[in-house]
């Protein structure tokens, strides 16, 4: 395992664990997200429903750095689940928020299962030039956290 993969895996593991803080609901996933700068220093973290019942993990983390002057060029978002591409409760989906913020990379464990919507977050990110890395060996932990939503209980 090369150094970059080991670092990515560790940050993603932390994001997957962070998802467990999400208040459980049957109508949305529990997701954790951490933003790390190009020097692998944490900038912010967030989880689903952290500040209100409709906030997504990536949205929560990005809100914490918004307006602070922090340069997100070259930053990475570690998200337990694929950033959303369709959003009913807000005007901008998380994939778009990531693109607009200038994030260079997204590392995720699991693509969003088609329980609620047909998500194309990875495709949107890649089309905008964002590097997407999947680490699927952590996907079972994401599924376990979201067992009720996925009908696995």
N, C-alpha and C. Protein backbone atom coordinates (compact mmCIF):
# COMPACT_ATOMS: atom_id res chain seq x y z
N UNK A 1 0.86 -1.17 0.00
CA UNK A 1 0.00 0.00 0.00
C UNK A 1 0.91 1.24 0.00
N UNK A 2 0.70 2.13 -0.97
CA UNK A 2 1.54 3.33 -1.01
C UNK A 2 1.08 4.34 0.05
N UNK A 3 1.92 5.34 0.29
CA UNK A 3 1.64 6.31 1.35
C UNK A 3 0.33 7.06 1.11
N UNK A 4 0.08 7.50 -0.13
CA UNK A 4 -1.14 8.27 -0.41
C UNK A 4 -2.38 7.42 -0.10
N UNK A 5 -2.35 6.16 -0.53
CA UNK A 5 -3.50 5.28 -0.27
C UNK A 5 -3.69 5.06 1.23
N UNK A 6 -2.59 4.91 1.96
CA UNK A 6 -2.68 4.70 3.41
C UNK A 6 -3.28 5.93 4.10
N UNK A 7 -2.85 7.12 3.68
CA UNK A 7 -3.38 8.36 4.25
C UNK A 7 -4.86 8.50 3.90
N UNK A 8 -5.19 8.26 2.64
CA UNK A 8 -6.60 8.34 2.21
C UNK A 8 -7.47 7.37 3.00
N UNK A 9 -6.98 6.17 3.18
CA UNK A 9 -7.76 5.16 3.89
C UNK A 9 -8.00 5.57 5.34
N UNK A 10 -7.00 6.14 5.99
CA UNK A 10 -7.15 6.54 7.39
C UNK A 10 -8.15 7.69 7.53
N UNK A 11 -8.05 8.72 6.68
CA UNK A 11 -9.02 9.82 6.74
C UNK A 11 -10.42 9.33 6.43
N UNK A 12 -10.54 8.45 5.45
CA UNK A 12 -11.87 7.94 5.09
C UNK A 12 -12.44 7.09 6.23
N UNK A 13 -11.61 6.32 6.88
CA UNK A 13 -12.09 5.53 8.03
C UNK A 13 -12.67 6.46 9.10
N UNK A 14 -12.00 7.58 9.34
CA UNK A 14 -12.51 8.56 10.30
C UNK A 14 -13.85 9.14 9.85
N UNK A 15 -14.00 9.42 8.56
CA UNK A 15 -15.27 9.94 8.04
C UNK A 15 -16.38 8.90 8.17
N UNK A 16 -16.05 7.65 7.90
CA UNK A 16 -17.04 6.57 8.05
C UNK A 16 -17.49 6.47 9.51
N UNK A 17 -16.55 6.57 10.44
CA UNK A 17 -16.91 6.53 11.86
C UNK A 17 -17.73 7.75 12.27
N UNK A 18 -17.40 8.91 11.71
CA UNK A 18 -18.11 10.15 12.01
C UNK A 18 -19.59 10.05 11.65
N UNK A 19 -19.91 9.29 10.61
CA UNK A 19 -21.31 9.13 10.18
C UNK A 19 -22.21 8.61 11.29
N UNK A 20 -21.64 7.88 12.22
CA UNK A 20 -22.42 7.31 13.33
C UNK A 20 -23.02 8.38 14.24
N UNK A 21 -22.50 9.61 14.16
CA UNK A 21 -23.06 10.71 14.96
C UNK A 21 -24.35 11.26 14.36
N UNK A 22 -24.65 10.90 13.13
CA UNK A 22 -25.85 11.39 12.46
C UNK A 22 -27.10 10.91 13.18
N UNK A 23 -28.01 11.83 13.52
CA UNK A 23 -29.27 11.37 14.11
C UNK A 23 -29.98 10.42 13.14
N UNK A 24 -30.39 9.25 13.61
CA UNK A 24 -31.00 8.27 12.70
C UNK A 24 -32.39 8.68 12.23
N UNK A 25 -32.61 8.52 10.94
CA UNK A 25 -33.92 8.69 10.33
C UNK A 25 -34.06 7.62 9.26
N UNK A 26 -35.28 7.31 8.89
CA UNK A 26 -35.49 6.28 7.87
C UNK A 26 -35.54 6.84 6.47
N UNK A 27 -35.47 8.16 6.35
CA UNK A 27 -35.62 8.80 5.05
C UNK A 27 -34.34 9.41 4.49
N UNK A 28 -33.20 9.13 5.13
CA UNK A 28 -31.93 9.69 4.66
C UNK A 28 -30.76 8.88 5.20
N UNK A 29 -29.66 8.94 4.48
CA UNK A 29 -28.45 8.23 4.90
C UNK A 29 -27.73 8.97 6.02
N UNK A 30 -26.96 8.23 6.78
CA UNK A 30 -26.03 8.79 7.75
C UNK A 30 -24.67 8.83 7.07
N UNK A 31 -24.13 10.03 6.95
CA UNK A 31 -22.87 10.24 6.21
C UNK A 31 -21.93 11.09 7.07
N UNK A 32 -20.65 10.81 6.96
CA UNK A 32 -19.62 11.63 7.58
C UNK A 32 -18.70 12.18 6.51
N UNK A 33 -18.21 13.40 6.71
CA UNK A 33 -17.31 14.02 5.75
C UNK A 33 -16.25 14.83 6.48
N UNK A 34 -15.03 14.77 5.96
CA UNK A 34 -13.91 15.53 6.52
C UNK A 34 -13.19 16.21 5.36
N UNK A 35 -12.89 17.50 5.53
CA UNK A 35 -12.12 18.24 4.53
C UNK A 35 -10.69 18.38 5.04
N UNK A 36 -9.74 18.01 4.18
CA UNK A 36 -8.33 18.02 4.53
C UNK A 36 -7.59 18.83 3.48
N UNK A 37 -6.65 19.70 3.90
CA UNK A 37 -5.92 20.52 2.93
C UNK A 37 -4.84 19.70 2.23
N UNK A 38 -4.12 20.34 1.32
CA UNK A 38 -3.13 19.62 0.52
C UNK A 38 -1.96 19.09 1.35
N UNK A 39 -1.81 19.56 2.58
CA UNK A 39 -0.76 19.08 3.48
C UNK A 39 -1.30 18.03 4.47
N UNK A 40 -2.49 17.54 4.20
CA UNK A 40 -3.14 16.52 5.04
C UNK A 40 -3.46 17.02 6.44
N UNK A 41 -3.80 18.31 6.53
CA UNK A 41 -4.25 18.90 7.79
C UNK A 41 -5.76 19.07 7.74
N UNK A 42 -6.45 18.63 8.77
CA UNK A 42 -7.90 18.75 8.80
C UNK A 42 -8.34 20.21 8.84
N UNK A 43 -9.30 20.54 7.98
CA UNK A 43 -9.89 21.88 7.95
C UNK A 43 -11.26 21.91 8.61
N UNK A 44 -12.06 20.87 8.38
CA UNK A 44 -13.42 20.83 8.94
C UNK A 44 -13.98 19.42 8.79
N UNK A 45 -15.01 19.16 9.58
CA UNK A 45 -15.72 17.89 9.47
C UNK A 45 -17.20 18.14 9.69
N UNK A 46 -18.00 17.24 9.18
CA UNK A 46 -19.44 17.35 9.37
C UNK A 46 -20.11 16.00 9.20
N UNK A 47 -21.35 15.93 9.63
CA UNK A 47 -22.11 14.70 9.47
C UNK A 47 -23.57 15.05 9.17
N UNK A 48 -24.28 14.10 8.68
CA UNK A 48 -25.68 14.30 8.30
C UNK A 48 -26.51 14.77 9.48
N UNK A 49 -27.33 15.79 9.24
CA UNK A 49 -28.26 16.34 10.23
C UNK A 49 -27.55 16.95 11.43
N UNK A 50 -26.30 17.35 11.25
CA UNK A 50 -25.52 17.92 12.35
C UNK A 50 -26.11 19.22 12.88
N UNK A 51 -26.51 20.10 11.99
CA UNK A 51 -27.00 21.42 12.41
C UNK A 51 -28.49 21.63 12.16
N UNK A 52 -29.08 20.84 11.28
CA UNK A 52 -30.53 20.86 11.07
C UNK A 52 -30.93 19.57 10.38
N UNK A 53 -32.20 19.22 10.38
CA UNK A 53 -32.64 17.92 9.86
C UNK A 53 -32.36 17.69 8.38
N UNK A 54 -32.03 18.74 7.63
CA UNK A 54 -31.82 18.58 6.18
C UNK A 54 -30.37 18.73 5.75
N UNK A 55 -29.47 19.05 6.67
CA UNK A 55 -28.08 19.30 6.27
C UNK A 55 -27.35 17.98 5.98
N UNK A 56 -26.60 18.00 4.89
CA UNK A 56 -25.78 16.84 4.51
C UNK A 56 -24.37 17.00 5.08
N UNK A 57 -23.64 15.91 5.19
CA UNK A 57 -22.32 15.91 5.81
C UNK A 57 -21.34 16.85 5.10
N UNK A 58 -21.26 16.74 3.77
CA UNK A 58 -20.33 17.58 3.02
C UNK A 58 -20.73 19.05 3.14
N UNK A 59 -22.01 19.31 3.08
CA UNK A 59 -22.54 20.67 3.22
C UNK A 59 -22.17 21.25 4.59
N UNK A 60 -22.28 20.46 5.63
CA UNK A 60 -21.96 20.90 6.98
C UNK A 60 -20.48 21.24 7.10
N UNK A 61 -19.62 20.37 6.59
CA UNK A 61 -18.18 20.62 6.65
C UNK A 61 -17.80 21.85 5.84
N UNK A 62 -18.34 21.98 4.64
CA UNK A 62 -18.04 23.15 3.81
C UNK A 62 -18.52 24.45 4.46
N UNK A 63 -19.65 24.41 5.14
CA UNK A 63 -20.17 25.61 5.79
C UNK A 63 -19.22 26.11 6.88
N UNK A 64 -18.49 25.19 7.50
CA UNK A 64 -17.57 25.58 8.57
C UNK A 64 -16.35 26.34 8.06
N UNK A 65 -15.99 26.16 6.80
CA UNK A 65 -14.85 26.89 6.25
C UNK A 65 -15.29 28.07 5.37
N UNK A 66 -16.57 28.13 5.04
CA UNK A 66 -17.08 29.21 4.20
C UNK A 66 -16.85 30.56 4.88
N UNK A 67 -16.33 31.52 4.12
CA UNK A 67 -16.14 32.86 4.64
C UNK A 67 -14.95 33.03 5.56
N UNK A 68 -14.13 31.98 5.72
CA UNK A 68 -12.97 32.07 6.61
C UNK A 68 -11.70 32.47 5.87
N UNK A 69 -11.77 32.46 4.54
CA UNK A 69 -10.58 32.77 3.75
C UNK A 69 -9.68 31.58 3.54
N UNK A 70 -10.06 30.41 4.04
CA UNK A 70 -9.27 29.20 3.84
C UNK A 70 -9.30 28.83 2.36
N UNK A 71 -8.11 28.61 1.80
CA UNK A 71 -7.98 28.22 0.40
C UNK A 71 -8.22 26.71 0.28
N UNK A 72 -9.26 26.33 -0.45
CA UNK A 72 -9.58 24.91 -0.61
C UNK A 72 -8.96 24.30 -1.86
N UNK A 73 -8.18 25.09 -2.59
CA UNK A 73 -7.49 24.58 -3.77
C UNK A 73 -6.58 23.43 -3.35
N UNK A 74 -6.74 22.31 -3.97
CA UNK A 74 -5.92 21.15 -3.64
C UNK A 74 -6.44 20.34 -2.47
N UNK A 75 -7.53 20.76 -1.86
CA UNK A 75 -8.08 20.04 -0.71
C UNK A 75 -8.79 18.76 -1.14
N UNK A 76 -8.98 17.90 -0.17
CA UNK A 76 -9.69 16.63 -0.39
C UNK A 76 -10.88 16.55 0.56
N UNK A 77 -12.00 16.08 0.04
CA UNK A 77 -13.16 15.76 0.88
C UNK A 77 -13.21 14.24 1.02
N UNK A 78 -13.20 13.77 2.24
CA UNK A 78 -13.38 12.35 2.54
C UNK A 78 -14.82 12.19 2.96
N UNK A 79 -15.59 11.43 2.20
CA UNK A 79 -17.00 11.25 2.47
C UNK A 79 -17.34 9.77 2.49
N UNK A 80 -18.05 9.35 3.52
CA UNK A 80 -18.38 7.93 3.62
C UNK A 80 -19.25 7.47 2.45
N UNK A 81 -20.08 8.37 1.92
CA UNK A 81 -20.99 8.05 0.82
C UNK A 81 -20.81 9.06 -0.30
N UNK A 82 -21.04 8.63 -1.50
CA UNK A 82 -20.95 9.49 -2.69
C UNK A 82 -21.71 10.80 -2.48
N UNK A 83 -21.07 11.95 -2.74
CA UNK A 83 -21.78 13.22 -2.62
C UNK A 83 -23.00 13.27 -3.55
N UNK A 84 -24.09 13.82 -3.03
CA UNK A 84 -25.35 13.81 -3.78
C UNK A 84 -25.27 14.66 -5.04
N UNK A 85 -26.06 14.26 -6.03
CA UNK A 85 -26.17 15.02 -7.29
C UNK A 85 -27.56 15.58 -7.48
N UNK A 86 -28.49 15.11 -6.66
CA UNK A 86 -29.88 15.56 -6.71
C UNK A 86 -30.29 15.90 -5.29
N UNK A 87 -30.97 17.00 -5.12
CA UNK A 87 -31.33 17.44 -3.77
C UNK A 87 -32.72 18.05 -3.79
N UNK A 88 -33.63 17.51 -3.02
CA UNK A 88 -34.96 18.07 -2.93
C UNK A 88 -35.08 19.16 -1.88
N UNK A 89 -34.23 19.09 -0.87
CA UNK A 89 -34.37 20.00 0.27
C UNK A 89 -33.51 21.26 0.18
N UNK A 90 -32.63 21.34 -0.79
CA UNK A 90 -31.76 22.51 -0.95
C UNK A 90 -31.59 22.79 -2.44
N UNK A 91 -31.13 23.99 -2.76
CA UNK A 91 -30.99 24.35 -4.17
C UNK A 91 -29.76 23.75 -4.84
N UNK A 92 -28.72 23.45 -4.06
CA UNK A 92 -27.48 22.91 -4.64
C UNK A 92 -27.11 21.58 -3.99
N UNK A 93 -26.89 20.56 -4.81
CA UNK A 93 -26.43 19.28 -4.27
C UNK A 93 -24.98 19.36 -3.82
N UNK A 94 -24.57 18.42 -3.01
CA UNK A 94 -23.22 18.43 -2.44
C UNK A 94 -22.13 18.35 -3.51
N UNK A 95 -22.34 17.56 -4.56
CA UNK A 95 -21.33 17.49 -5.62
C UNK A 95 -21.08 18.88 -6.20
N UNK A 96 -22.12 19.63 -6.42
CA UNK A 96 -21.96 20.98 -6.94
C UNK A 96 -21.26 21.90 -5.94
N UNK A 97 -21.61 21.80 -4.67
CA UNK A 97 -20.95 22.60 -3.63
C UNK A 97 -19.44 22.31 -3.59
N UNK A 98 -19.07 21.06 -3.76
CA UNK A 98 -17.66 20.66 -3.77
C UNK A 98 -16.94 21.26 -4.97
N UNK A 99 -17.58 21.21 -6.13
CA UNK A 99 -16.99 21.76 -7.35
C UNK A 99 -16.79 23.27 -7.21
N UNK A 100 -17.82 23.97 -6.78
CA UNK A 100 -17.76 25.43 -6.63
C UNK A 100 -16.69 25.83 -5.60
N UNK A 101 -16.49 25.01 -4.57
CA UNK A 101 -15.50 25.33 -3.53
C UNK A 101 -14.07 25.16 -4.03
N UNK A 102 -13.88 24.50 -5.16
CA UNK A 102 -12.54 24.29 -5.69
C UNK A 102 -11.81 23.10 -5.12
N UNK A 103 -12.54 22.17 -4.54
CA UNK A 103 -11.96 20.94 -3.99
C UNK A 103 -11.36 20.14 -5.15
N UNK A 104 -10.15 19.60 -4.94
CA UNK A 104 -9.45 18.87 -5.99
C UNK A 104 -9.78 17.38 -6.03
N UNK A 105 -10.05 16.80 -4.83
CA UNK A 105 -10.24 15.36 -4.75
C UNK A 105 -11.40 15.03 -3.83
N UNK A 106 -12.05 13.91 -4.12
CA UNK A 106 -13.06 13.34 -3.23
C UNK A 106 -12.72 11.86 -3.08
N UNK A 107 -12.66 11.41 -1.84
CA UNK A 107 -12.40 10.00 -1.55
C UNK A 107 -13.63 9.47 -0.84
N UNK A 108 -14.18 8.37 -1.35
CA UNK A 108 -15.42 7.82 -0.79
C UNK A 108 -15.34 6.31 -0.65
N UNK A 109 -16.21 5.79 0.20
CA UNK A 109 -16.24 4.35 0.44
C UNK A 109 -17.32 3.65 -0.37
N UNK A 110 -18.45 4.32 -0.59
CA UNK A 110 -19.60 3.67 -1.23
C UNK A 110 -20.34 4.65 -2.11
N UNK A 111 -20.66 4.23 -3.32
CA UNK A 111 -21.52 5.03 -4.18
C UNK A 111 -22.94 4.94 -3.61
N UNK A 112 -23.70 6.01 -3.74
CA UNK A 112 -25.03 6.04 -3.15
C UNK A 112 -25.94 4.99 -3.78
N UNK A 113 -26.47 4.07 -2.98
CA UNK A 113 -27.43 3.09 -3.50
C UNK A 113 -28.71 3.80 -3.95
N UNK A 114 -29.39 3.27 -4.94
CA UNK A 114 -30.58 3.95 -5.50
C UNK A 114 -31.85 3.78 -4.67
N UNK A 115 -31.76 4.00 -3.37
CA UNK A 115 -32.92 3.88 -2.49
C UNK A 115 -33.85 5.09 -2.64
N UNK A 116 -33.26 6.28 -2.68
CA UNK A 116 -34.05 7.51 -2.74
C UNK A 116 -33.99 8.18 -4.11
N UNK A 117 -32.81 8.24 -4.70
CA UNK A 117 -32.62 8.88 -6.01
C UNK A 117 -31.57 8.11 -6.79
N UNK A 118 -31.48 8.41 -8.08
CA UNK A 118 -30.44 7.86 -8.94
C UNK A 118 -29.29 8.86 -8.92
N UNK A 119 -28.32 8.65 -8.05
CA UNK A 119 -27.23 9.60 -7.82
C UNK A 119 -26.14 9.48 -8.89
N UNK A 120 -25.65 10.62 -9.32
CA UNK A 120 -24.56 10.69 -10.30
C UNK A 120 -23.47 11.63 -9.81
N UNK A 121 -23.24 11.65 -8.50
CA UNK A 121 -22.26 12.56 -7.92
C UNK A 121 -20.86 12.33 -8.46
N UNK A 122 -20.44 11.08 -8.55
CA UNK A 122 -19.10 10.77 -9.06
C UNK A 122 -18.94 11.32 -10.48
N UNK A 123 -19.93 11.08 -11.31
CA UNK A 123 -19.85 11.54 -12.70
C UNK A 123 -19.78 13.06 -12.78
N UNK A 124 -20.58 13.77 -11.97
CA UNK A 124 -20.54 15.23 -11.96
C UNK A 124 -19.17 15.74 -11.52
N UNK A 125 -18.63 15.15 -10.48
CA UNK A 125 -17.33 15.56 -9.98
C UNK A 125 -16.24 15.33 -11.02
N UNK A 126 -16.22 14.15 -11.61
CA UNK A 126 -15.19 13.83 -12.61
C UNK A 126 -15.32 14.73 -13.83
N UNK A 127 -16.53 15.02 -14.25
CA UNK A 127 -16.74 15.90 -15.41
C UNK A 127 -16.20 17.30 -15.15
N UNK A 128 -16.16 17.70 -13.89
CA UNK A 128 -15.66 19.02 -13.51
C UNK A 128 -14.16 19.00 -13.22
N UNK A 129 -13.53 17.84 -13.39
CA UNK A 129 -12.09 17.75 -13.18
C UNK A 129 -11.67 17.38 -11.77
N UNK A 130 -12.62 17.00 -10.92
CA UNK A 130 -12.31 16.58 -9.55
C UNK A 130 -11.89 15.11 -9.60
N UNK A 131 -10.76 14.80 -8.99
CA UNK A 131 -10.31 13.41 -8.91
C UNK A 131 -11.18 12.69 -7.89
N UNK A 132 -11.71 11.53 -8.27
CA UNK A 132 -12.52 10.73 -7.35
C UNK A 132 -11.81 9.40 -7.11
N UNK A 133 -11.66 9.06 -5.84
CA UNK A 133 -11.02 7.82 -5.43
C UNK A 133 -12.03 7.04 -4.60
N UNK A 134 -12.22 5.78 -4.94
CA UNK A 134 -13.11 4.92 -4.17
C UNK A 134 -12.27 3.91 -3.39
N UNK A 135 -12.60 3.73 -2.12
CA UNK A 135 -11.95 2.73 -1.29
C UNK A 135 -13.05 1.78 -0.81
N UNK A 136 -13.42 0.83 -1.65
CA UNK A 136 -14.59 -0.02 -1.39
C UNK A 136 -14.46 -0.98 -0.24
N UNK A 137 -13.23 -1.23 0.27
CA UNK A 137 -13.14 -2.16 1.39
C UNK A 137 -13.72 -1.58 2.67
N UNK A 138 -14.06 -0.27 2.69
CA UNK A 138 -14.75 0.34 3.83
C UNK A 138 -16.27 0.42 3.62
N UNK A 139 -16.74 -0.02 2.47
CA UNK A 139 -18.16 0.10 2.13
C UNK A 139 -19.07 -0.68 3.08
N UNK A 140 -18.63 -1.83 3.55
CA UNK A 140 -19.49 -2.62 4.45
C UNK A 140 -19.76 -1.87 5.75
N UNK A 141 -18.80 -1.07 6.21
CA UNK A 141 -19.01 -0.27 7.41
C UNK A 141 -20.06 0.81 7.16
N UNK A 142 -20.06 1.37 5.96
CA UNK A 142 -21.07 2.38 5.60
C UNK A 142 -22.44 1.71 5.53
N UNK A 143 -22.49 0.54 4.91
CA UNK A 143 -23.77 -0.20 4.85
C UNK A 143 -24.28 -0.53 6.24
N UNK A 144 -23.40 -0.93 7.14
CA UNK A 144 -23.81 -1.27 8.51
C UNK A 144 -24.41 -0.05 9.22
N UNK A 145 -23.79 1.12 9.06
CA UNK A 145 -24.29 2.34 9.67
C UNK A 145 -25.67 2.70 9.12
N UNK A 146 -25.92 2.33 7.86
CA UNK A 146 -27.16 2.68 7.18
C UNK A 146 -28.05 1.46 6.96
N UNK A 147 -27.91 0.44 7.80
CA UNK A 147 -28.64 -0.82 7.62
C UNK A 147 -30.15 -0.63 7.55
N UNK A 148 -30.70 0.22 8.40
CA UNK A 148 -32.14 0.42 8.42
C UNK A 148 -32.63 1.04 7.11
N UNK A 149 -31.93 2.06 6.64
CA UNK A 149 -32.31 2.75 5.39
C UNK A 149 -32.18 1.79 4.21
N UNK A 150 -31.16 0.93 4.25
CA UNK A 150 -30.92 0.00 3.15
C UNK A 150 -31.75 -1.28 3.25
N UNK A 151 -32.57 -1.41 4.29
CA UNK A 151 -33.41 -2.59 4.45
C UNK A 151 -32.62 -3.83 4.84
N UNK A 152 -31.50 -3.62 5.53
CA UNK A 152 -30.65 -4.75 5.91
C UNK A 152 -30.90 -5.22 7.34
N UNK A 153 -31.81 -4.55 8.06
CA UNK A 153 -32.09 -4.95 9.44
C UNK A 153 -33.28 -5.89 9.47
